[in-house]
Amino acid sequence: MQHVADGDDALVVMPTGAGKSLCYQAPALARGGTTVVVSPLIALMKDQVDALVRKGAKAAFLNSSLSEEDRREVTSRLLRGDLELLYVAPERFTPAFTRMLAGCDIRLFAIDEAHCLSQWGHDFRPDYLRLGQVRKELSARRPLPTVALTATATPTVQDDIVRTLGLGDARRFIRGFDRENLRMEVIQVKGLADKQET
């Protein structure tokens, strides 16, 4: 978090539930301005925004679940500088939307599920490939600190993420995938009734 809050680029590979979201949420609040968070999952955006708003953060999302009126309201808040975190889907980055963002006070760019950038990743999304160009356009006035986050990325996928986003000097924070809070157990049963009771 300190590395990102200091304005340095990072690639974060940590298991699900290990705190990846905090790696950009806390720096977003510390850096001021607006942090743009790219997420491919509408339900995850809503969950995170709801939790942030409950804690007093100025957060919103722009995705296809919003009415036209709600989209206008979120856009108005963004243009007024009234958002600390804005969650958007990768498909939202049209040239017009990117130009609008370039005129805002964007201080951090966070790409969640960053393995979607790589054709070698398990959930490749072509719209993610535009994010390198988006980052370049948003960095035209001043460097835009960027953090890419994922729970699963082989070294090849990590290299793809760094190359596509233009994060050549990004520090890589790689944490193991052992989840001590999860365990697997096999219980032998003697039949269907025993199985349903267990």
N, C-alpha and C. Protein backbone atom coordinates (compact mmCIF):
# COMPACT_ATOMS: atom_id res chain seq x y z
N MET A 1 0.83 -1.20 0.00
CA MET A 1 0.00 0.00 0.00
C MET A 1 0.87 1.26 0.00
N GLN A 2 1.94 1.22 0.78
CA GLN A 2 2.82 2.40 0.85
C GLN A 2 3.45 2.68 -0.51
N HIS A 3 3.89 1.62 -1.19
CA HIS A 3 4.51 1.76 -2.52
C HIS A 3 3.54 2.45 -3.49
N VAL A 4 2.29 2.00 -3.51
CA VAL A 4 1.29 2.59 -4.40
C VAL A 4 0.93 4.00 -3.95
N ALA A 5 0.78 4.20 -2.66
CA ALA A 5 0.46 5.54 -2.13
C ALA A 5 1.56 6.54 -2.46
N ASP A 6 2.80 6.06 -2.56
CA ASP A 6 3.92 6.93 -2.91
C ASP A 6 3.94 7.30 -4.40
N GLY A 7 3.03 6.71 -5.18
CA GLY A 7 2.95 7.05 -6.60
C GLY A 7 3.76 6.15 -7.50
N ASP A 8 4.12 4.97 -7.02
CA ASP A 8 4.91 4.05 -7.82
C ASP A 8 4.03 2.95 -8.40
N ASP A 9 4.40 2.47 -9.59
CA ASP A 9 3.65 1.42 -10.26
C ASP A 9 3.90 0.07 -9.59
N ALA A 10 2.89 -0.81 -9.66
CA ALA A 10 3.03 -2.11 -9.03
C ALA A 10 2.19 -3.17 -9.74
N LEU A 11 2.68 -4.39 -9.68
CA LEU A 11 1.91 -5.57 -10.06
C LEU A 11 1.74 -6.38 -8.78
N VAL A 12 0.50 -6.65 -8.41
CA VAL A 12 0.22 -7.37 -7.16
C VAL A 12 -0.45 -8.69 -7.50
N VAL A 13 0.19 -9.79 -7.09
CA VAL A 13 -0.39 -11.12 -7.27
C VAL A 13 -0.56 -11.71 -5.88
N MET A 14 -1.82 -11.79 -5.45
CA MET A 14 -2.14 -12.29 -4.12
C MET A 14 -3.38 -13.16 -4.21
N PRO A 15 -3.51 -14.15 -3.35
CA PRO A 15 -4.69 -15.02 -3.41
C PRO A 15 -5.97 -14.27 -3.07
N THR A 16 -7.07 -14.81 -3.53
CA THR A 16 -8.39 -14.25 -3.22
C THR A 16 -8.55 -14.17 -1.71
N GLY A 17 -9.05 -13.04 -1.25
CA GLY A 17 -9.29 -12.86 0.18
C GLY A 17 -8.09 -12.38 0.96
N ALA A 18 -6.98 -12.11 0.28
CA ALA A 18 -5.75 -11.70 0.98
C ALA A 18 -5.62 -10.19 1.13
N GLY A 19 -6.54 -9.41 0.54
CA GLY A 19 -6.49 -7.97 0.71
C GLY A 19 -6.03 -7.17 -0.49
N LYS A 20 -6.19 -7.70 -1.70
CA LYS A 20 -5.77 -6.96 -2.90
C LYS A 20 -6.48 -5.61 -3.00
N SER A 21 -7.78 -5.59 -2.69
CA SER A 21 -8.54 -4.34 -2.84
C SER A 21 -7.98 -3.23 -1.96
N LEU A 22 -7.51 -3.58 -0.77
CA LEU A 22 -6.91 -2.57 0.11
C LEU A 22 -5.66 -1.96 -0.51
N CYS A 23 -4.99 -2.71 -1.39
CA CYS A 23 -3.75 -2.22 -2.02
C CYS A 23 -4.00 -1.02 -2.92
N TYR A 24 -5.25 -0.80 -3.35
CA TYR A 24 -5.55 0.44 -4.09
C TYR A 24 -6.56 1.32 -3.35
N GLN A 25 -7.42 0.74 -2.53
CA GLN A 25 -8.42 1.57 -1.85
C GLN A 25 -7.79 2.53 -0.85
N ALA A 26 -6.90 2.03 -0.01
CA ALA A 26 -6.24 2.91 0.97
C ALA A 26 -5.39 3.97 0.27
N PRO A 27 -4.53 3.60 -0.71
CA PRO A 27 -3.79 4.64 -1.42
C PRO A 27 -4.69 5.63 -2.14
N ALA A 28 -5.84 5.18 -2.66
CA ALA A 28 -6.76 6.09 -3.33
C ALA A 28 -7.20 7.20 -2.40
N LEU A 29 -7.54 6.83 -1.18
CA LEU A 29 -7.99 7.83 -0.21
C LEU A 29 -6.84 8.73 0.24
N ALA A 30 -5.64 8.17 0.29
CA ALA A 30 -4.47 8.94 0.73
C ALA A 30 -3.98 9.91 -0.35
N ARG A 31 -4.13 9.54 -1.62
CA ARG A 31 -3.57 10.35 -2.71
C ARG A 31 -4.46 11.52 -3.11
N GLY A 32 -5.74 11.47 -2.76
CA GLY A 32 -6.65 12.53 -3.19
C GLY A 32 -7.03 12.34 -4.65
N GLY A 33 -7.76 13.29 -5.19
CA GLY A 33 -8.23 13.16 -6.57
C GLY A 33 -9.12 11.94 -6.70
N THR A 34 -9.18 11.41 -7.91
CA THR A 34 -10.01 10.24 -8.20
C THR A 34 -9.14 9.07 -8.62
N THR A 35 -9.45 7.90 -8.10
CA THR A 35 -8.83 6.66 -8.55
C THR A 35 -9.83 5.95 -9.45
N VAL A 36 -9.38 5.56 -10.64
CA VAL A 36 -10.22 4.79 -11.55
C VAL A 36 -9.84 3.33 -11.39
N VAL A 37 -10.86 2.51 -11.08
CA VAL A 37 -10.66 1.07 -10.87
C VAL A 37 -11.35 0.32 -12.00
N VAL A 38 -10.59 -0.46 -12.74
CA VAL A 38 -11.15 -1.28 -13.81
C VAL A 38 -11.48 -2.66 -13.24
N SER A 39 -12.73 -3.06 -13.40
CA SER A 39 -13.17 -4.37 -12.91
C SER A 39 -14.12 -4.98 -13.93
N PRO A 40 -13.97 -6.27 -14.20
CA PRO A 40 -14.85 -6.89 -15.21
C PRO A 40 -16.16 -7.40 -14.64
N LEU A 41 -16.34 -7.32 -13.32
CA LEU A 41 -17.48 -7.97 -12.69
C LEU A 41 -18.44 -6.95 -12.06
N ILE A 42 -19.64 -6.86 -12.59
CA ILE A 42 -20.62 -5.89 -12.12
C ILE A 42 -20.97 -6.12 -10.65
N ALA A 43 -21.17 -7.36 -10.27
CA ALA A 43 -21.54 -7.66 -8.88
C ALA A 43 -20.43 -7.26 -7.91
N LEU A 44 -19.17 -7.50 -8.31
CA LEU A 44 -18.03 -7.12 -7.46
C LEU A 44 -17.95 -5.60 -7.32
N MET A 45 -18.16 -4.89 -8.41
CA MET A 45 -18.16 -3.41 -8.35
C MET A 45 -19.18 -2.93 -7.33
N LYS A 46 -20.41 -3.46 -7.43
CA LYS A 46 -21.48 -3.03 -6.53
C LYS A 46 -21.13 -3.34 -5.08
N ASP A 47 -20.63 -4.55 -4.82
CA ASP A 47 -20.27 -4.92 -3.45
C ASP A 47 -19.21 -3.98 -2.89
N GLN A 48 -18.18 -3.70 -3.69
CA GLN A 48 -17.09 -2.86 -3.19
C GLN A 48 -17.54 -1.42 -3.00
N VAL A 49 -18.30 -0.90 -3.95
CA VAL A 49 -18.78 0.49 -3.82
C VAL A 49 -19.71 0.61 -2.62
N ASP A 50 -20.62 -0.34 -2.45
CA ASP A 50 -21.53 -0.29 -1.30
C ASP A 50 -20.74 -0.29 0.02
N ALA A 51 -19.72 -1.14 0.11
CA ALA A 51 -18.91 -1.21 1.34
C ALA A 51 -18.15 0.09 1.56
N LEU A 52 -17.59 0.67 0.50
CA LEU A 52 -16.85 1.93 0.62
C LEU A 52 -17.76 3.07 1.05
N VAL A 53 -18.94 3.15 0.45
CA VAL A 53 -19.89 4.22 0.79
C VAL A 53 -20.32 4.10 2.25
N ARG A 54 -20.55 2.86 2.71
CA ARG A 54 -20.92 2.67 4.12
C ARG A 54 -19.83 3.18 5.06
N LYS A 55 -18.58 3.14 4.59
CA LYS A 55 -17.46 3.61 5.42
C LYS A 55 -17.18 5.10 5.21
N GLY A 56 -17.99 5.76 4.40
CA GLY A 56 -17.85 7.20 4.22
C GLY A 56 -17.03 7.63 3.02
N ALA A 57 -16.59 6.69 2.19
CA ALA A 57 -15.82 7.05 1.00
C ALA A 57 -16.77 7.52 -0.11
N LYS A 58 -16.26 8.39 -0.96
CA LYS A 58 -17.04 8.86 -2.11
C LYS A 58 -16.72 7.94 -3.29
N ALA A 59 -17.55 6.92 -3.47
CA ALA A 59 -17.30 5.91 -4.49
C ALA A 59 -18.55 5.69 -5.31
N ALA A 60 -18.35 5.30 -6.57
CA ALA A 60 -19.46 5.00 -7.47
C ALA A 60 -18.96 4.07 -8.57
N PHE A 61 -19.89 3.55 -9.33
CA PHE A 61 -19.51 2.73 -10.48
C PHE A 61 -20.29 3.18 -11.70
N LEU A 62 -19.70 2.91 -12.86
CA LEU A 62 -20.36 3.14 -14.14
C LEU A 62 -20.37 1.80 -14.87
N ASN A 63 -21.56 1.25 -15.05
CA ASN A 63 -21.68 0.02 -15.83
C ASN A 63 -23.09 -0.09 -16.38
N SER A 64 -23.35 -1.17 -17.09
CA SER A 64 -24.61 -1.33 -17.80
C SER A 64 -25.81 -1.53 -16.87
N SER A 65 -25.59 -1.72 -15.58
CA SER A 65 -26.71 -1.90 -14.65
C SER A 65 -27.38 -0.58 -14.28
N LEU A 66 -26.74 0.54 -14.60
CA LEU A 66 -27.29 1.86 -14.23
C LEU A 66 -28.27 2.37 -15.28
N SER A 67 -29.24 3.12 -14.82
CA SER A 67 -30.13 3.83 -15.74
C SER A 67 -29.36 4.99 -16.35
N GLU A 68 -29.92 5.56 -17.42
CA GLU A 68 -29.29 6.72 -18.05
C GLU A 68 -29.17 7.88 -17.07
N GLU A 69 -30.19 8.07 -16.26
CA GLU A 69 -30.18 9.15 -15.27
C GLU A 69 -29.07 8.92 -14.23
N ASP A 70 -28.93 7.69 -13.76
CA ASP A 70 -27.88 7.38 -12.79
C ASP A 70 -26.50 7.55 -13.39
N ARG A 71 -26.34 7.17 -14.67
CA ARG A 71 -25.04 7.35 -15.35
C ARG A 71 -24.68 8.82 -15.43
N ARG A 72 -25.68 9.66 -15.75
CA ARG A 72 -25.43 11.10 -15.83
C ARG A 72 -25.02 11.66 -14.47
N GLU A 73 -25.66 11.18 -13.41
CA GLU A 73 -25.34 11.65 -12.06
C GLU A 73 -23.91 11.27 -11.68
N VAL A 74 -23.51 10.02 -11.95
CA VAL A 74 -22.14 9.59 -11.63
C VAL A 74 -21.14 10.40 -12.46
N THR A 75 -21.43 10.60 -13.73
CA THR A 75 -20.53 11.38 -14.59
C THR A 75 -20.41 12.81 -14.08
N SER A 76 -21.52 13.39 -13.65
CA SER A 76 -21.50 14.75 -13.10
C SER A 76 -20.63 14.81 -11.85
N ARG A 77 -20.75 13.82 -10.97
CA ARG A 77 -19.93 13.78 -9.76
C ARG A 77 -18.45 13.66 -10.12
N LEU A 78 -18.15 12.85 -11.12
CA LEU A 78 -16.76 12.70 -11.57
C LEU A 78 -16.20 14.03 -12.06
N LEU A 79 -16.95 14.71 -12.90
CA LEU A 79 -16.49 15.97 -13.47
C LEU A 79 -16.36 17.07 -12.41
N ARG A 80 -17.17 17.00 -11.35
CA ARG A 80 -17.07 17.97 -10.25
C ARG A 80 -15.93 17.64 -9.29
N GLY A 81 -15.30 16.49 -9.46
CA GLY A 81 -14.25 16.08 -8.53
C GLY A 81 -14.80 15.54 -7.23
N ASP A 82 -16.04 15.03 -7.28
CA ASP A 82 -16.72 14.57 -6.08
C ASP A 82 -16.65 13.04 -5.90
N LEU A 83 -15.70 12.39 -6.56
CA LEU A 83 -15.53 10.94 -6.42
C LEU A 83 -14.08 10.62 -6.06
N GLU A 84 -13.92 9.79 -5.04
CA GLU A 84 -12.58 9.31 -4.68
C GLU A 84 -12.24 8.04 -5.44
N LEU A 85 -13.24 7.19 -5.67
CA LEU A 85 -13.04 5.96 -6.43
C LEU A 85 -14.17 5.80 -7.43
N LEU A 86 -13.81 5.51 -8.66
CA LEU A 86 -14.79 5.24 -9.71
C LEU A 86 -14.47 3.88 -10.32
N TYR A 87 -15.41 2.95 -10.20
CA TYR A 87 -15.26 1.61 -10.76
C TYR A 87 -15.90 1.58 -12.14
N VAL A 88 -15.16 1.05 -13.12
CA VAL A 88 -15.68 0.97 -14.48
C VAL A 88 -15.29 -0.37 -15.10
N ALA A 89 -16.11 -0.83 -16.04
CA ALA A 89 -15.80 -2.04 -16.78
C ALA A 89 -14.82 -1.69 -17.91
N PRO A 90 -14.01 -2.65 -18.35
CA PRO A 90 -13.04 -2.34 -19.41
C PRO A 90 -13.71 -1.90 -20.71
N GLU A 91 -14.93 -2.36 -20.96
CA GLU A 91 -15.65 -1.99 -22.18
C GLU A 91 -16.03 -0.51 -22.22
N ARG A 92 -16.01 0.17 -21.09
CA ARG A 92 -16.43 1.56 -20.99
C ARG A 92 -15.42 2.52 -21.63
N PHE A 93 -14.17 2.06 -21.85
CA PHE A 93 -13.11 2.97 -22.29
C PHE A 93 -13.16 3.26 -23.78
N THR A 94 -14.23 3.94 -24.18
CA THR A 94 -14.32 4.44 -25.55
C THR A 94 -13.39 5.65 -25.67
N PRO A 95 -13.07 6.09 -26.88
CA PRO A 95 -12.26 7.31 -27.01
C PRO A 95 -12.89 8.51 -26.30
N ALA A 96 -14.21 8.66 -26.38
CA ALA A 96 -14.87 9.82 -25.74
C ALA A 96 -14.76 9.73 -24.21
N PHE A 97 -14.94 8.54 -23.65
CA PHE A 97 -14.85 8.38 -22.20
C PHE A 97 -13.42 8.63 -21.73
N THR A 98 -12.45 8.13 -22.48
CA THR A 98 -11.04 8.33 -22.11
C THR A 98 -10.69 9.82 -22.16
N ARG A 99 -11.18 10.54 -23.18
CA ARG A 99 -10.92 11.99 -23.26
C ARG A 99 -11.53 12.71 -22.06
N MET A 100 -12.73 12.28 -21.67
CA MET A 100 -13.37 12.90 -20.51
C MET A 100 -12.53 12.66 -19.26
N LEU A 101 -12.06 11.43 -19.06
CA LEU A 101 -11.23 11.12 -17.90
C LEU A 101 -9.95 11.95 -17.91
N ALA A 102 -9.38 12.16 -19.10
CA ALA A 102 -8.13 12.92 -19.21
C ALA A 102 -8.29 14.34 -18.70
N GLY A 103 -9.52 14.86 -18.70
CA GLY A 103 -9.77 16.20 -18.18
C GLY A 103 -10.07 16.23 -16.69
N CYS A 104 -10.07 15.07 -16.05
CA CYS A 104 -10.38 14.97 -14.62
C CYS A 104 -9.09 14.81 -13.82
N ASP A 105 -9.21 14.92 -12.52
CA ASP A 105 -8.05 14.80 -11.62
C ASP A 105 -7.86 13.33 -11.23
N ILE A 106 -7.40 12.54 -12.19
CA ILE A 106 -7.18 11.10 -11.96
C ILE A 106 -5.76 10.93 -11.40
N ARG A 107 -5.67 10.34 -10.22
CA ARG A 107 -4.36 10.22 -9.56
C ARG A 107 -3.87 8.79 -9.40
N LEU A 108 -4.74 7.82 -9.67
CA LEU A 108 -4.32 6.41 -9.57
C LEU A 108 -5.20 5.60 -10.52
N PHE A 109 -4.58 4.65 -11.19
CA PHE A 109 -5.26 3.76 -12.13
C PHE A 109 -5.06 2.36 -11.60
N ALA A 110 -6.15 1.68 -11.24
CA ALA A 110 -6.07 0.33 -10.68
C ALA A 110 -6.79 -0.63 -11.61
N ILE A 111 -6.10 -1.70 -11.99
CA ILE A 111 -6.69 -2.70 -12.87
C ILE A 111 -6.83 -3.99 -12.10
N ASP A 112 -8.08 -4.32 -11.75
CA ASP A 112 -8.35 -5.56 -11.02
C ASP A 112 -8.52 -6.69 -12.03
N GLU A 113 -8.31 -7.92 -11.58
CA GLU A 113 -8.40 -9.10 -12.46
C GLU A 113 -7.48 -8.90 -13.67
N ALA A 114 -6.27 -8.43 -13.40
CA ALA A 114 -5.35 -8.04 -14.48
C ALA A 114 -4.92 -9.20 -15.36
N HIS A 115 -5.11 -10.44 -14.92
CA HIS A 115 -4.79 -11.59 -15.78
C HIS A 115 -5.62 -11.56 -17.06
N CYS A 116 -6.74 -10.82 -17.06
CA CYS A 116 -7.57 -10.69 -18.26
C CYS A 116 -6.84 -9.98 -19.39
N LEU A 117 -5.70 -9.33 -19.08
CA LEU A 117 -4.89 -8.67 -20.10
C LEU A 117 -4.13 -9.66 -20.98
N SER A 118 -3.94 -10.85 -20.49
CA SER A 118 -3.06 -11.80 -21.16
C SER A 118 -3.83 -12.89 -21.89
N GLN A 119 -3.44 -13.15 -23.13
CA GLN A 119 -4.06 -14.25 -23.86
C GLN A 119 -3.70 -15.59 -23.22
N TRP A 120 -2.68 -15.57 -22.36
CA TRP A 120 -2.29 -16.78 -21.64
C TRP A 120 -3.04 -16.89 -20.32
N GLY A 121 -3.77 -15.83 -19.95
CA GLY A 121 -4.53 -15.85 -18.70
C GLY A 121 -5.77 -16.71 -18.84
N HIS A 122 -6.35 -17.12 -17.71
CA HIS A 122 -7.48 -18.05 -17.77
C HIS A 122 -8.80 -17.37 -18.11
N ASP A 123 -8.82 -16.05 -18.17
CA ASP A 123 -10.08 -15.34 -18.41
C ASP A 123 -9.82 -14.14 -19.32
N PHE A 124 -9.15 -14.37 -20.44
CA PHE A 124 -8.76 -13.30 -21.36
C PHE A 124 -9.98 -12.50 -21.82
N ARG A 125 -9.87 -11.17 -21.72
CA ARG A 125 -10.93 -10.26 -22.18
C ARG A 125 -10.29 -9.25 -23.14
N PRO A 126 -10.61 -9.32 -24.43
CA PRO A 126 -9.96 -8.42 -25.41
C PRO A 126 -10.04 -6.95 -25.06
N ASP A 127 -11.12 -6.51 -24.41
CA ASP A 127 -11.25 -5.08 -24.07
C ASP A 127 -10.14 -4.62 -23.12
N TYR A 128 -9.58 -5.54 -22.37
CA TYR A 128 -8.47 -5.19 -21.47
C TYR A 128 -7.24 -4.72 -22.26
N LEU A 129 -7.09 -5.19 -23.49
CA LEU A 129 -5.89 -4.85 -24.27
C LEU A 129 -5.80 -3.35 -24.55
N ARG A 130 -6.93 -2.64 -24.52
CA ARG A 130 -6.91 -1.18 -24.76
C ARG A 130 -6.36 -0.41 -23.57
N LEU A 131 -6.26 -1.05 -22.42
CA LEU A 131 -5.91 -0.31 -21.20
C LEU A 131 -4.49 0.27 -21.23
N GLY A 132 -3.58 -0.35 -21.96
CA GLY A 132 -2.25 0.23 -22.10
C GLY A 132 -2.31 1.59 -22.80
N GLN A 133 -3.10 1.67 -23.87
CA GLN A 133 -3.28 2.93 -24.59
C GLN A 133 -4.03 3.94 -23.73
N VAL A 134 -5.03 3.46 -23.00
CA VAL A 134 -5.79 4.34 -22.10
C VAL A 134 -4.84 4.94 -21.07
N ARG A 135 -4.00 4.10 -20.48
CA ARG A 135 -3.04 4.59 -19.48
C ARG A 135 -2.11 5.65 -20.09
N LYS A 136 -1.67 5.39 -21.30
CA LYS A 136 -0.78 6.34 -21.98
C LYS A 136 -1.47 7.69 -22.19
N GLU A 137 -2.74 7.66 -22.61
CA GLU A 137 -3.48 8.90 -22.83
C GLU A 137 -3.74 9.64 -21.52
N LEU A 138 -4.04 8.90 -20.46
CA LEU A 138 -4.30 9.54 -19.17
C LEU A 138 -3.01 10.06 -18.53
N SER A 139 -1.86 9.59 -19.01
CA SER A 139 -0.57 10.03 -18.48
C SER A 139 0.02 11.18 -19.27
N ALA A 140 -0.71 11.71 -20.25
CA ALA A 140 -0.16 12.74 -21.14
C ALA A 140 0.26 14.00 -20.37
N ARG A 141 -0.54 14.40 -19.37
CA ARG A 141 -0.22 15.62 -18.61
C ARG A 141 0.78 15.36 -17.50
N ARG A 142 0.63 14.23 -16.83
CA ARG A 142 1.54 13.86 -15.74
C ARG A 142 1.50 12.34 -15.60
N PRO A 143 2.57 11.76 -15.07
CA PRO A 143 2.59 10.30 -14.92
C PRO A 143 1.40 9.83 -14.07
N LEU A 144 0.81 8.72 -14.48
CA LEU A 144 -0.33 8.17 -13.77
C LEU A 144 0.08 6.87 -13.07
N PRO A 145 0.28 6.91 -11.75
CA PRO A 145 0.62 5.69 -11.03
C PRO A 145 -0.43 4.61 -11.30
N THR A 146 0.06 3.41 -11.53
CA THR A 146 -0.83 2.31 -11.91
C THR A 146 -0.52 1.07 -11.10
N VAL A 147 -1.58 0.39 -10.65
CA VAL A 147 -1.41 -0.88 -9.95
C VAL A 147 -2.30 -1.90 -10.65
N ALA A 148 -1.70 -3.02 -11.02
CA ALA A 148 -2.43 -4.13 -11.64
C ALA A 148 -2.49 -5.26 -10.61
N LEU A 149 -3.69 -5.83 -10.45
CA LEU A 149 -3.88 -6.82 -9.39
C LEU A 149 -4.56 -8.08 -9.93
N THR A 150 -4.13 -9.22 -9.44
CA THR A 150 -4.74 -10.49 -9.83
C THR A 150 -4.43 -11.55 -8.78
N ALA A 151 -5.27 -12.55 -8.75
CA ALA A 151 -5.02 -13.67 -7.83
C ALA A 151 -4.24 -14.77 -8.52
N THR A 152 -4.23 -14.76 -9.85
CA THR A 152 -3.58 -15.85 -10.58
C THR A 152 -2.82 -15.30 -11.76
N ALA A 153 -1.51 -15.45 -11.75
CA ALA A 153 -0.70 -15.03 -12.90
C ALA A 153 0.63 -15.77 -12.88
N THR A 154 0.84 -16.59 -13.88
CA THR A 154 2.13 -17.24 -14.06
C THR A 154 3.15 -16.16 -14.42
N PRO A 155 4.45 -16.47 -14.38
CA PRO A 155 5.44 -15.47 -14.81
C PRO A 155 5.18 -14.95 -16.23
N THR A 156 4.72 -15.80 -17.14
CA THR A 156 4.41 -15.36 -18.50
C THR A 156 3.27 -14.36 -18.51
N VAL A 157 2.22 -14.64 -17.73
CA VAL A 157 1.08 -13.72 -17.64
C VAL A 157 1.51 -12.41 -16.97
N GLN A 158 2.34 -12.50 -15.95
CA GLN A 158 2.86 -11.28 -15.30
C GLN A 158 3.59 -10.41 -16.31
N ASP A 159 4.42 -11.03 -17.13
CA ASP A 159 5.17 -10.28 -18.15
C ASP A 159 4.22 -9.63 -19.15
N ASP A 160 3.17 -10.34 -19.56
CA ASP A 160 2.17 -9.78 -20.47
C ASP A 160 1.49 -8.56 -19.87
N ILE A 161 1.12 -8.65 -18.60
CA ILE A 161 0.45 -7.54 -17.91
C ILE A 161 1.35 -6.31 -17.91
N VAL A 162 2.60 -6.50 -17.50
CA VAL A 162 3.55 -5.40 -17.42
C VAL A 162 3.80 -4.78 -18.79
N ARG A 163 3.96 -5.64 -19.81
CA ARG A 163 4.23 -5.14 -21.17
C ARG A 163 3.02 -4.39 -21.73
N THR A 164 1.83 -4.96 -21.61
CA THR A 164 0.63 -4.35 -22.19
C THR A 164 0.32 -2.99 -21.56
N LEU A 165 0.54 -2.89 -20.25
CA LEU A 165 0.25 -1.63 -19.56
C LEU A 165 1.41 -0.63 -19.61
N GLY A 166 2.56 -1.05 -20.11
CA GLY A 166 3.72 -0.17 -20.15
C GLY A 166 4.28 0.10 -18.76
N LEU A 167 4.32 -0.94 -17.93
CA LEU A 167 4.78 -0.82 -16.54
C LEU A 167 6.18 -1.41 -16.37
N GLY A 168 7.09 -1.04 -17.25
CA GLY A 168 8.42 -1.65 -17.25
C GLY A 168 9.13 -1.63 -15.91
N ASP A 169 8.99 -0.57 -15.13
CA ASP A 169 9.70 -0.46 -13.85
C ASP A 169 8.82 -0.83 -12.65
N ALA A 170 7.65 -1.40 -12.91
CA ALA A 170 6.74 -1.71 -11.80
C ALA A 170 7.36 -2.73 -10.86
N ARG A 171 7.19 -2.49 -9.57
CA ARG A 171 7.62 -3.47 -8.58
C ARG A 171 6.57 -4.58 -8.53
N ARG A 172 7.05 -5.82 -8.46
CA ARG A 172 6.14 -6.96 -8.41
C ARG A 172 6.03 -7.47 -6.98
N PHE A 173 4.80 -7.51 -6.50
CA PHE A 173 4.52 -8.06 -5.17
C PHE A 173 3.81 -9.39 -5.37
N ILE A 174 4.53 -10.47 -5.19
CA ILE A 174 3.99 -11.80 -5.43
C ILE A 174 3.89 -12.53 -4.11
N ARG A 175 2.68 -12.92 -3.76
CA ARG A 175 2.46 -13.65 -2.53
C ARG A 175 1.98 -15.05 -2.87
N GLY A 176 2.40 -16.04 -2.12
CA GLY A 176 2.04 -17.43 -2.38
C GLY A 176 0.54 -17.64 -2.39
N PHE A 177 0.15 -18.80 -2.87
CA PHE A 177 -1.28 -19.09 -3.02
C PHE A 177 -1.80 -20.03 -1.95
N ASP A 178 -0.97 -20.33 -0.96
CA ASP A 178 -1.41 -21.18 0.13
C ASP A 178 -2.40 -20.40 0.99
N ARG A 179 -3.63 -20.90 1.10
CA ARG A 179 -4.65 -20.24 1.91
C ARG A 179 -4.87 -21.06 3.16
N GLU A 180 -4.26 -20.62 4.23
CA GLU A 180 -4.30 -21.37 5.49
C GLU A 180 -5.72 -21.47 6.05
N ASN A 181 -6.60 -20.55 5.64
CA ASN A 181 -7.97 -20.57 6.16
C ASN A 181 -8.87 -21.58 5.43
N LEU A 182 -8.34 -22.23 4.39
CA LEU A 182 -9.11 -23.24 3.66
C LEU A 182 -8.51 -24.62 3.89
N ARG A 183 -9.39 -25.60 4.00
CA ARG A 183 -8.89 -26.97 4.11
C ARG A 183 -9.85 -27.89 3.39
N MET A 184 -9.35 -29.04 3.01
CA MET A 184 -10.14 -30.02 2.32
C MET A 184 -10.19 -31.27 3.19
N GLU A 185 -11.37 -31.88 3.24
CA GLU A 185 -11.54 -33.05 4.08
C GLU A 185 -12.41 -34.06 3.34
N VAL A 186 -12.09 -35.32 3.48
CA VAL A 186 -12.88 -36.39 2.89
C VAL A 186 -13.53 -37.16 4.03
N ILE A 187 -14.85 -37.32 3.95
CA ILE A 187 -15.58 -38.06 4.97
C ILE A 187 -16.24 -39.25 4.28
N GLN A 188 -15.94 -40.44 4.76
CA GLN A 188 -16.56 -41.63 4.18
C GLN A 188 -17.95 -41.81 4.76
N VAL A 189 -18.91 -42.09 3.88
CA VAL A 189 -20.28 -42.33 4.32
C VAL A 189 -20.73 -43.70 3.83
N LYS A 190 -21.81 -44.22 4.45
CA LYS A 190 -22.25 -45.58 4.14
C LYS A 190 -23.42 -45.63 3.17
N GLY A 191 -23.90 -44.51 2.73
CA GLY A 191 -25.01 -44.50 1.80
C GLY A 191 -25.59 -43.10 1.69
N LEU A 192 -26.67 -42.99 0.88
CA LEU A 192 -27.26 -41.68 0.60
C LEU A 192 -27.79 -41.02 1.87
N ALA A 193 -28.46 -41.77 2.72
CA ALA A 193 -29.01 -41.18 3.95
C ALA A 193 -27.89 -40.65 4.83
N ASP A 194 -26.82 -41.41 4.95
CA ASP A 194 -25.67 -40.99 5.76
C ASP A 194 -25.01 -39.75 5.16
N LYS A 195 -24.94 -39.73 3.83
CA LYS A 195 -24.35 -38.58 3.12
C LYS A 195 -25.17 -37.31 3.35
N GLN A 196 -26.49 -37.42 3.27
CA GLN A 196 -27.35 -36.24 3.45
C GLN A 196 -27.32 -35.75 4.89
N GLU A 197 -27.15 -36.68 5.83
CA GLU A 197 -27.08 -36.29 7.23
C GLU A 197 -25.78 -35.58 7.55
N THR A 198 -24.72 -35.95 6.84
CA THR A 198 -23.40 -35.37 7.08
C THR A 198 -23.35 -34.01 6.42
